[in-house]
Amino acid sequence: MPIVFWFKGLKVSFFSAEESRMHVHAAGHGAKVKIWLEPDVELADSQGKIGAHELNELLREVEARKDECVGKWRDYHG
C-alpha cells in the first residue's frame, strides 16, 4: 500500500490492485475514508470515528496536494 503522505495522524495511501478511477484512502484514529481524485476531489465514503471538521480539513489537504497524489498514482500504476 503506497503511502502518499501523512496528515494529522491519518495515513493517506492507495491500494496496489483496485479500481482504475484515481482515489486515495485515509486511515487512522478509528476512521477509514475514501476520496476520489478525479474528475474532482470529493468524498467517496467515510466510516468510523471522524468528525465533520477533521473530514473537511482532510479534503482540503488532499485538494491542495492533488498533483502529488495523482503523480504518485501514475508513477505506481504506470
PDB file of N, CA and C in Angstrom:
ATOM      1  N   MET A   1       0.842  -1.168   0.000  1.00  0.00           N
ATOM      2  CA  MET A   1       0.000   0.000   0.000  1.00  0.00           C
ATOM      3  C   MET A   1       0.892   1.237   0.000  1.00  0.00           C
ATOM      4  N   PRO A   2       1.110   1.855  -1.146  1.00  0.00           N
ATOM      5  CA  PRO A   2       1.967   3.044  -1.207  1.00  0.00           C
ATOM      6  C   PRO A   2       1.383   4.218  -0.409  1.00  0.00           C
ATOM      7  N   ILE A   3       2.188   4.788   0.442  1.00  0.00           N
ATOM      8  CA  ILE A   3       1.772   5.944   1.238  1.00  0.00           C
ATOM      9  C   ILE A   3       2.079   7.206   0.450  1.00  0.00           C
ATOM     10  N   VAL A   4       1.076   8.076   0.341  1.00  0.00           N
ATOM     11  CA  VAL A   4       1.244   9.344  -0.366  1.00  0.00           C
ATOM     12  C   VAL A   4       1.748  10.403   0.609  1.00  0.00           C
ATOM     13  N   PHE A   5       1.069  10.537   1.750  1.00  0.00           N
ATOM     14  CA  PHE A   5       1.504  11.470   2.793  1.00  0.00           C
ATOM     15  C   PHE A   5       0.742  11.162   4.077  1.00  0.00           C
ATOM     16  N   TRP A   6       1.183  11.793   5.157  1.00  0.00           N
ATOM     17  CA  TRP A   6       0.508  11.715   6.451  1.00  0.00           C
ATOM     18  C   TRP A   6      -0.122  13.064   6.738  1.00  0.00           C
ATOM     19  N   PHE A   7      -1.306  13.060   7.346  1.00  0.00           N
ATOM     20  CA  PHE A   7      -1.978  14.310   7.711  1.00  0.00           C
ATOM     21  C   PHE A   7      -2.659  14.136   9.063  1.00  0.00           C
ATOM     22  N   LYS A   8      -2.130  14.807  10.069  1.00  0.00           N
ATOM     23  CA  LYS A   8      -2.696  14.783  11.420  1.00  0.00           C
ATOM     24  C   LYS A   8      -2.973  13.361  11.906  1.00  0.00           C
ATOM     25  N   GLY A   9      -2.007  12.478  11.692  1.00  0.00           N
ATOM     26  CA  GLY A   9      -2.120  11.108  12.152  1.00  0.00           C
ATOM     27  C   GLY A   9      -2.886  10.178  11.227  1.00  0.00           C
ATOM     28  N   LEU A  10      -3.366  10.696  10.098  1.00  0.00           N
ATOM     29  CA  LEU A  10      -4.053   9.867   9.109  1.00  0.00           C
ATOM     30  C   LEU A  10      -3.083   9.508   7.994  1.00  0.00           C
ATOM     31  N   LYS A  11      -3.020   8.237   7.667  1.00  0.00           N
ATOM     32  CA  LYS A  11      -2.171   7.784   6.571  1.00  0.00           C
ATOM     33  C   LYS A  11      -2.979   7.872   5.286  1.00  0.00           C
ATOM     34  N   VAL A  12      -2.508   8.669   4.346  1.00  0.00           N
ATOM     35  CA  VAL A  12      -3.168   8.822   3.054  1.00  0.00           C
ATOM     36  C   VAL A  12      -2.401   7.958   2.055  1.00  0.00           C
ATOM     37  N   SER A  13      -3.096   6.986   1.472  1.00  0.00           N
ATOM     38  CA  SER A  13      -2.436   5.995   0.627  1.00  0.00           C
ATOM     39  C   SER A  13      -3.415   5.466  -0.411  1.00  0.00           C
ATOM     40  N   PHE A  14      -2.939   4.526  -1.211  1.00  0.00           N
ATOM     41  CA  PHE A  14      -3.827   3.818  -2.126  1.00  0.00           C
ATOM     42  C   PHE A  14      -3.402   2.364  -2.169  1.00  0.00           C
ATOM     43  N   PHE A  15      -4.313   1.522  -2.616  1.00  0.00           N
ATOM     44  CA  PHE A  15      -4.041   0.091  -2.717  1.00  0.00           C
ATOM     45  C   PHE A  15      -3.470  -0.206  -4.090  1.00  0.00           C
ATOM     46  N   SER A  16      -2.676  -1.246  -4.164  1.00  0.00           N
ATOM     47  CA  SER A  16      -1.992  -1.554  -5.418  1.00  0.00           C
ATOM     48  C   SER A  16      -2.913  -2.172  -6.463  1.00  0.00           C
ATOM     49  N   ALA A  17      -3.915  -2.906  -6.058  1.00  0.00           N
ATOM     50  CA  ALA A  17      -4.798  -3.563  -7.021  1.00  0.00           C
ATOM     51  C   ALA A  17      -6.241  -3.214  -6.685  1.00  0.00           C
ATOM     52  N   GLU A  18      -6.711  -2.158  -7.305  1.00  0.00           N
ATOM     53  CA  GLU A  18      -8.064  -1.703  -7.026  1.00  0.00           C
ATOM     54  C   GLU A  18      -8.636  -1.085  -8.287  1.00  0.00           C
ATOM     55  N   GLU A  19      -9.808  -0.505  -8.174  1.00  0.00           N
ATOM     56  CA  GLU A  19     -10.456   0.077  -9.345  1.00  0.00           C
ATOM     57  C   GLU A  19      -9.591   1.143 -10.009  1.00  0.00           C
ATOM     58  N   SER A  20      -9.872   1.412 -11.272  1.00  0.00           N
ATOM     59  CA  SER A  20      -8.996   2.287 -12.052  1.00  0.00           C
ATOM     60  C   SER A  20      -9.237   3.773 -11.810  1.00  0.00           C
ATOM     61  N   ARG A  21     -10.403   4.169 -11.303  1.00  0.00           N
ATOM     62  CA  ARG A  21     -10.643   5.586 -11.030  1.00  0.00           C
ATOM     63  C   ARG A  21      -9.721   6.030  -9.897  1.00  0.00           C
ATOM     64  N   MET A  22      -8.987   7.110 -10.135  1.00  0.00           N
ATOM     65  CA  MET A  22      -7.999   7.565  -9.153  1.00  0.00           C
ATOM     66  C   MET A  22      -8.657   8.009  -7.856  1.00  0.00           C
ATOM     67  N   HIS A  23      -8.100   7.502  -6.764  1.00  0.00           N
ATOM     68  CA  HIS A  23      -8.586   7.866  -5.436  1.00  0.00           C
ATOM     69  C   HIS A  23      -7.509   7.542  -4.403  1.00  0.00           C
ATOM     70  N   VAL A  24      -7.708   8.068  -3.212  1.00  0.00           N
ATOM     71  CA  VAL A  24      -6.847   7.738  -2.086  1.00  0.00           C
ATOM     72  C   VAL A  24      -7.716   7.316  -0.914  1.00  0.00           C
ATOM     73  N   HIS A  25      -7.087   6.613   0.011  1.00  0.00           N
ATOM     74  CA  HIS A  25      -7.726   6.229   1.264  1.00  0.00           C
ATOM     75  C   HIS A  25      -6.975   6.930   2.383  1.00  0.00           C
ATOM     76  N   ALA A  26      -7.693   7.309   3.424  1.00  0.00           N
ATOM     77  CA  ALA A  26      -7.071   7.851   4.626  1.00  0.00           C
ATOM     78  C   ALA A  26      -7.535   6.986   5.788  1.00  0.00           C
ATOM     79  N   ALA A  27      -6.611   6.584   6.626  1.00  0.00           N
ATOM     80  CA  ALA A  27      -6.947   5.717   7.753  1.00  0.00           C
ATOM     81  C   ALA A  27      -6.159   6.112   8.984  1.00  0.00           C
ATOM     82  N   GLY A  28      -6.807   6.001  10.115  1.00  0.00           N
ATOM     83  CA  GLY A  28      -6.183   6.286  11.394  1.00  0.00           C
ATOM     84  C   GLY A  28      -7.214   6.778  12.378  1.00  0.00           C
ATOM     85  N   HIS A  29      -6.909   6.688  13.662  1.00  0.00           N
ATOM     86  CA  HIS A  29      -7.816   7.159  14.718  1.00  0.00           C
ATOM     87  C   HIS A  29      -9.179   6.480  14.635  1.00  0.00           C
ATOM     88  N   GLY A  30      -9.250   5.259  14.117  1.00  0.00           N
ATOM     89  CA  GLY A  30     -10.518   4.552  14.015  1.00  0.00           C
ATOM     90  C   GLY A  30     -11.374   4.976  12.839  1.00  0.00           C
ATOM     91  N   ALA A  31     -10.792   5.696  11.898  1.00  0.00           N
ATOM     92  CA  ALA A  31     -11.539   6.178  10.735  1.00  0.00           C
ATOM     93  C   ALA A  31     -10.987   5.578   9.451  1.00  0.00           C
ATOM     94  N   LYS A  32     -11.871   5.409   8.484  1.00  0.00           N
ATOM     95  CA  LYS A  32     -11.492   4.997   7.132  1.00  0.00           C
ATOM     96  C   LYS A  32     -12.245   5.894   6.158  1.00  0.00           C
ATOM     97  N   VAL A  33     -11.494   6.540   5.270  1.00  0.00           N
ATOM     98  CA  VAL A  33     -12.085   7.493   4.334  1.00  0.00           C
ATOM     99  C   VAL A  33     -11.575   7.185   2.934  1.00  0.00           C
ATOM    100  N   LYS A  34     -12.455   7.282   1.954  1.00  0.00           N
ATOM    101  CA  LYS A  34     -12.076   7.134   0.546  1.00  0.00           C
ATOM    102  C   LYS A  34     -12.411   8.445  -0.150  1.00  0.00           C
ATOM    103  N   ILE A  35     -11.425   8.961  -0.904  1.00  0.00           N
ATOM    104  CA  ILE A  35     -11.586  10.254  -1.570  1.00  0.00           C
ATOM    105  C   ILE A  35     -11.247  10.107  -3.040  1.00  0.00           C
ATOM    106  N   TRP A  36     -12.182  10.470  -3.902  1.00  0.00           N
ATOM    107  CA  TRP A  36     -11.935  10.484  -5.345  1.00  0.00           C
ATOM    108  C   TRP A  36     -10.989  11.617  -5.683  1.00  0.00           C
ATOM    109  N   LEU A  37     -10.114  11.392  -6.656  1.00  0.00           N
ATOM    110  CA  LEU A  37      -9.215  12.442  -7.150  1.00  0.00           C
ATOM    111  C   LEU A  37      -9.673  12.980  -8.498  1.00  0.00           C
ATOM    112  N   GLU A  38     -10.541  12.228  -9.166  1.00  0.00           N
ATOM    113  CA  GLU A  38     -10.994  12.648 -10.487  1.00  0.00           C
ATOM    114  C   GLU A  38     -12.487  12.415 -10.631  1.00  0.00           C
ATOM    115  N   PRO A  39     -13.210  13.203 -11.346  1.00  0.00           N
ATOM    116  CA  PRO A  39     -12.681  14.383 -12.016  1.00  0.00           C
ATOM    117  C   PRO A  39     -12.340  15.501 -11.033  1.00  0.00           C
ATOM    118  N   ASP A  40     -12.974  15.474  -9.856  1.00  0.00           N
ATOM    119  CA  ASP A  40     -12.694  16.457  -8.805  1.00  0.00           C
ATOM    120  C   ASP A  40     -12.425  15.714  -7.508  1.00  0.00           C
ATOM    121  N   VAL A  41     -11.767  16.383  -6.580  1.00  0.00           N
ATOM    122  CA  VAL A  41     -11.570  15.817  -5.249  1.00  0.00           C
ATOM    123  C   VAL A  41     -12.913  15.862  -4.534  1.00  0.00           C
ATOM    124  N   GLU A  42     -13.406  14.669  -4.142  1.00  0.00           N
ATOM    125  CA  GLU A  42     -14.662  14.611  -3.408  1.00  0.00           C
ATOM    126  C   GLU A  42     -14.715  13.336  -2.572  1.00  0.00           C
ATOM    127  N   LEU A  43     -15.490  13.400  -1.527  1.00  0.00           N
ATOM    128  CA  LEU A  43     -15.642  12.279  -0.622  1.00  0.00           C
ATOM    129  C   LEU A  43     -16.386  11.141  -1.316  1.00  0.00           C
ATOM    130  N   ALA A  44     -15.815   9.948  -1.262  1.00  0.00           N
ATOM    131  CA  ALA A  44     -16.473   8.757  -1.791  1.00  0.00           C
ATOM    132  C   ALA A  44     -17.158   7.984  -0.666  1.00  0.00           C
ATOM    133  N   ASP A  45     -16.478   7.867   0.493  1.00  0.00           N
ATOM    134  CA  ASP A  45     -17.017   7.100   1.608  1.00  0.00           C
ATOM    135  C   ASP A  45     -16.277   7.470   2.887  1.00  0.00           C
ATOM    136  N   SER A  46     -16.973   7.408   3.984  1.00  0.00           N
ATOM    137  CA  SER A  46     -16.370   7.688   5.286  1.00  0.00           C
ATOM    138  C   SER A  46     -16.978   6.742   6.308  1.00  0.00           C
ATOM    139  N   GLN A  47     -16.108   6.072   7.061  1.00  0.00           N
ATOM    140  CA  GLN A  47     -16.554   5.141   8.094  1.00  0.00           C
ATOM    141  C   GLN A  47     -15.747   5.376   9.349  1.00  0.00           C
ATOM    142  N   GLY A  48     -16.363   5.130  10.467  1.00  0.00           N
ATOM    143  CA  GLY A  48     -15.645   5.204  11.727  1.00  0.00           C
ATOM    144  C   GLY A  48     -15.675   6.572  12.357  1.00  0.00           C
ATOM    145  N   LYS A  49     -14.687   6.795  13.198  1.00  0.00           N
ATOM    146  CA  LYS A  49     -14.655   7.984  14.048  1.00  0.00           C
ATOM    147  C   LYS A  49     -13.894   9.124  13.392  1.00  0.00           C
ATOM    148  N   ILE A  50     -14.604   9.930  12.613  1.00  0.00           N
ATOM    149  CA  ILE A  50     -14.012  11.140  12.057  1.00  0.00           C
ATOM    150  C   ILE A  50     -15.097  12.206  12.033  1.00  0.00           C
ATOM    151  N   GLY A  51     -14.788  13.334  12.631  1.00  0.00           N
ATOM    152  CA  GLY A  51     -15.752  14.420  12.700  1.00  0.00           C
ATOM    153  C   GLY A  51     -15.796  15.228  11.415  1.00  0.00           C
ATOM    154  N   ALA A  52     -16.839  16.003  11.267  1.00  0.00           N
ATOM    155  CA  ALA A  52     -17.022  16.815  10.067  1.00  0.00           C
ATOM    156  C   ALA A  52     -15.875  17.802   9.884  1.00  0.00           C
ATOM    157  N   HIS A  53     -15.408  18.408  10.964  1.00  0.00           N
ATOM    158  CA  HIS A  53     -14.314  19.378  10.859  1.00  0.00           C
ATOM    159  C   HIS A  53     -13.035  18.714  10.361  1.00  0.00           C
ATOM    160  N   GLU A  54     -12.687  17.567  10.961  1.00  0.00           N
ATOM    161  CA  GLU A  54     -11.474  16.845  10.551  1.00  0.00           C
ATOM    162  C   GLU A  54     -11.600  16.346   9.107  1.00  0.00           C
ATOM    163  N   LEU A  55     -12.787  15.888   8.738  1.00  0.00           N
ATOM    164  CA  LEU A  55     -13.024  15.414   7.376  1.00  0.00           C
ATOM    165  C   LEU A  55     -12.857  16.549   6.370  1.00  0.00           C
ATOM    166  N   ASN A  56     -13.392  17.712   6.689  1.00  0.00           N
ATOM    167  CA  ASN A  56     -13.234  18.868   5.794  1.00  0.00           C
ATOM    168  C   ASN A  56     -11.778  19.299   5.679  1.00  0.00           C
ATOM    169  N   GLU A  57     -11.042  19.252   6.782  1.00  0.00           N
ATOM    170  CA  GLU A  57      -9.605  19.567   6.738  1.00  0.00           C
ATOM    171  C   GLU A  57      -8.870  18.581   5.829  1.00  0.00           C
ATOM    172  N   LEU A  58      -9.206  17.309   5.950  1.00  0.00           N
ATOM    173  CA  LEU A  58      -8.581  16.280   5.125  1.00  0.00           C
ATOM    174  C   LEU A  58      -8.879  16.509   3.647  1.00  0.00           C
ATOM    175  N   LEU A  59     -10.121  16.798   3.326  1.00  0.00           N
ATOM    176  CA  LEU A  59     -10.493  17.051   1.927  1.00  0.00           C
ATOM    177  C   LEU A  59      -9.735  18.263   1.369  1.00  0.00           C
ATOM    178  N   ARG A  60      -9.597  19.313   2.172  1.00  0.00           N
ATOM    179  CA  ARG A  60      -8.835  20.489   1.726  1.00  0.00           C
ATOM    180  C   ARG A  60      -7.368  20.147   1.504  1.00  0.00           C
ATOM    181  N   GLU A  61      -6.804  19.309   2.376  1.00  0.00           N
ATOM    182  CA  GLU A  61      -5.396  18.924   2.235  1.00  0.00           C
ATOM    183  C   GLU A  61      -5.189  18.075   0.984  1.00  0.00           C
ATOM    184  N   VAL A  62      -6.090  17.135   0.727  1.00  0.00           N
ATOM    185  CA  VAL A  62      -5.986  16.320  -0.488  1.00  0.00           C
ATOM    186  C   VAL A  62      -6.129  17.208  -1.715  1.00  0.00           C
ATOM    187  N   GLU A  63      -7.031  18.153  -1.681  1.00  0.00           N
ATOM    188  CA  GLU A  63      -7.192  19.095  -2.804  1.00  0.00           C
ATOM    189  C   GLU A  63      -5.899  19.880  -3.027  1.00  0.00           C
ATOM    190  N   ALA A  64      -5.299  20.358  -1.946  1.00  0.00           N
ATOM    191  CA  ALA A  64      -4.061  21.130  -2.051  1.00  0.00           C
ATOM    192  C   ALA A  64      -2.902  20.284  -2.581  1.00  0.00           C
ATOM    193  N   ARG A  65      -2.955  18.976  -2.331  1.00  0.00           N
ATOM    194  CA  ARG A  65      -1.874  18.082  -2.737  1.00  0.00           C
ATOM    195  C   ARG A  65      -2.298  17.126  -3.858  1.00  0.00           C
ATOM    196  N   LYS A  66      -3.343  17.518  -4.586  1.00  0.00           N
ATOM    197  CA  LYS A  66      -3.885  16.664  -5.639  1.00  0.00           C
ATOM    198  C   LYS A  66      -2.821  16.277  -6.660  1.00  0.00           C
ATOM    199  N   ASP A  67      -2.010  17.225  -7.098  1.00  0.00           N
ATOM    200  CA  ASP A  67      -0.972  16.927  -8.085  1.00  0.00           C
ATOM    201  C   ASP A  67      -0.011  15.853  -7.562  1.00  0.00           C
ATOM    202  N   GLU A  68       0.344  15.937  -6.298  1.00  0.00           N
ATOM    203  CA  GLU A  68       1.219  14.942  -5.677  1.00  0.00           C
ATOM    204  C   GLU A  68       0.540  13.569  -5.654  1.00  0.00           C
ATOM    205  N   CYS A  69      -0.735  13.538  -5.270  1.00  0.00           N
ATOM    206  CA  CYS A  69      -1.487  12.275  -5.218  1.00  0.00           C
ATOM    207  C   CYS A  69      -1.593  11.647  -6.603  1.00  0.00           C
ATOM    208  N   VAL A  70      -1.955  12.447  -7.597  1.00  0.00           N
ATOM    209  CA  VAL A  70      -2.097  11.948  -8.965  1.00  0.00           C
ATOM    210  C   VAL A  70      -0.742  11.479  -9.500  1.00  0.00           C
ATOM    211  N   GLY A  71       0.314  12.234  -9.230  1.00  0.00           N
ATOM    212  CA  GLY A  71       1.649  11.855  -9.685  1.00  0.00           C
ATOM    213  C   GLY A  71       2.086  10.520  -9.114  1.00  0.00           C
ATOM    214  N   LYS A  72       1.860  10.315  -7.816  1.00  0.00           N
ATOM    215  CA  LYS A  72       2.250   9.045  -7.199  1.00  0.00           C
ATOM    216  C   LYS A  72       1.388   7.899  -7.714  1.00  0.00           C
ATOM    217  N   TRP A  73       0.109   8.164  -7.943  1.00  0.00           N
ATOM    218  CA  TRP A  73      -0.771   7.142  -8.515  1.00  0.00           C
ATOM    219  C   TRP A  73      -0.246   6.710  -9.885  1.00  0.00           C
ATOM    220  N   ARG A  74       0.056   7.689 -10.730  1.00  0.00           N
ATOM    221  CA  ARG A  74       0.540   7.391 -12.095  1.00  0.00           C
ATOM    222  C   ARG A  74       1.895   6.710 -12.078  1.00  0.00           C
ATOM    223  N   ASP A  75       2.793   7.155 -11.194  1.00  0.00           N
ATOM    224  CA  ASP A  75       4.103   6.509 -11.071  1.00  0.00           C
ATOM    225  C   ASP A  75       3.950   5.040 -10.704  1.00  0.00           C
ATOM    226  N   TYR A  76       3.037   4.755  -9.802  1.00  0.00           N
ATOM    227  CA  TYR A  76       2.872   3.387  -9.323  1.00  0.00           C
ATOM    228  C   TYR A  76       2.105   2.505 -10.306  1.00  0.00           C
ATOM    229  N   HIS A  77       1.029   3.043 -10.861  1.00  0.00           N
ATOM    230  CA  HIS A  77       0.167   2.242 -11.738  1.00  0.00           C
ATOM    231  C   HIS A  77       0.576   2.300 -13.208  1.00  0.00           C
ATOM    232  N   GLY A  78       1.489   3.171 -13.530  1.00  0.00           N
ATOM    233  CA  GLY A  78       2.012   3.230 -14.900  1.00  0.00           C
ATOM    234  C   GLY A  78       1.183   3.948 -15.891  1.00  0.00           C
TER     235      GLY A  78
END
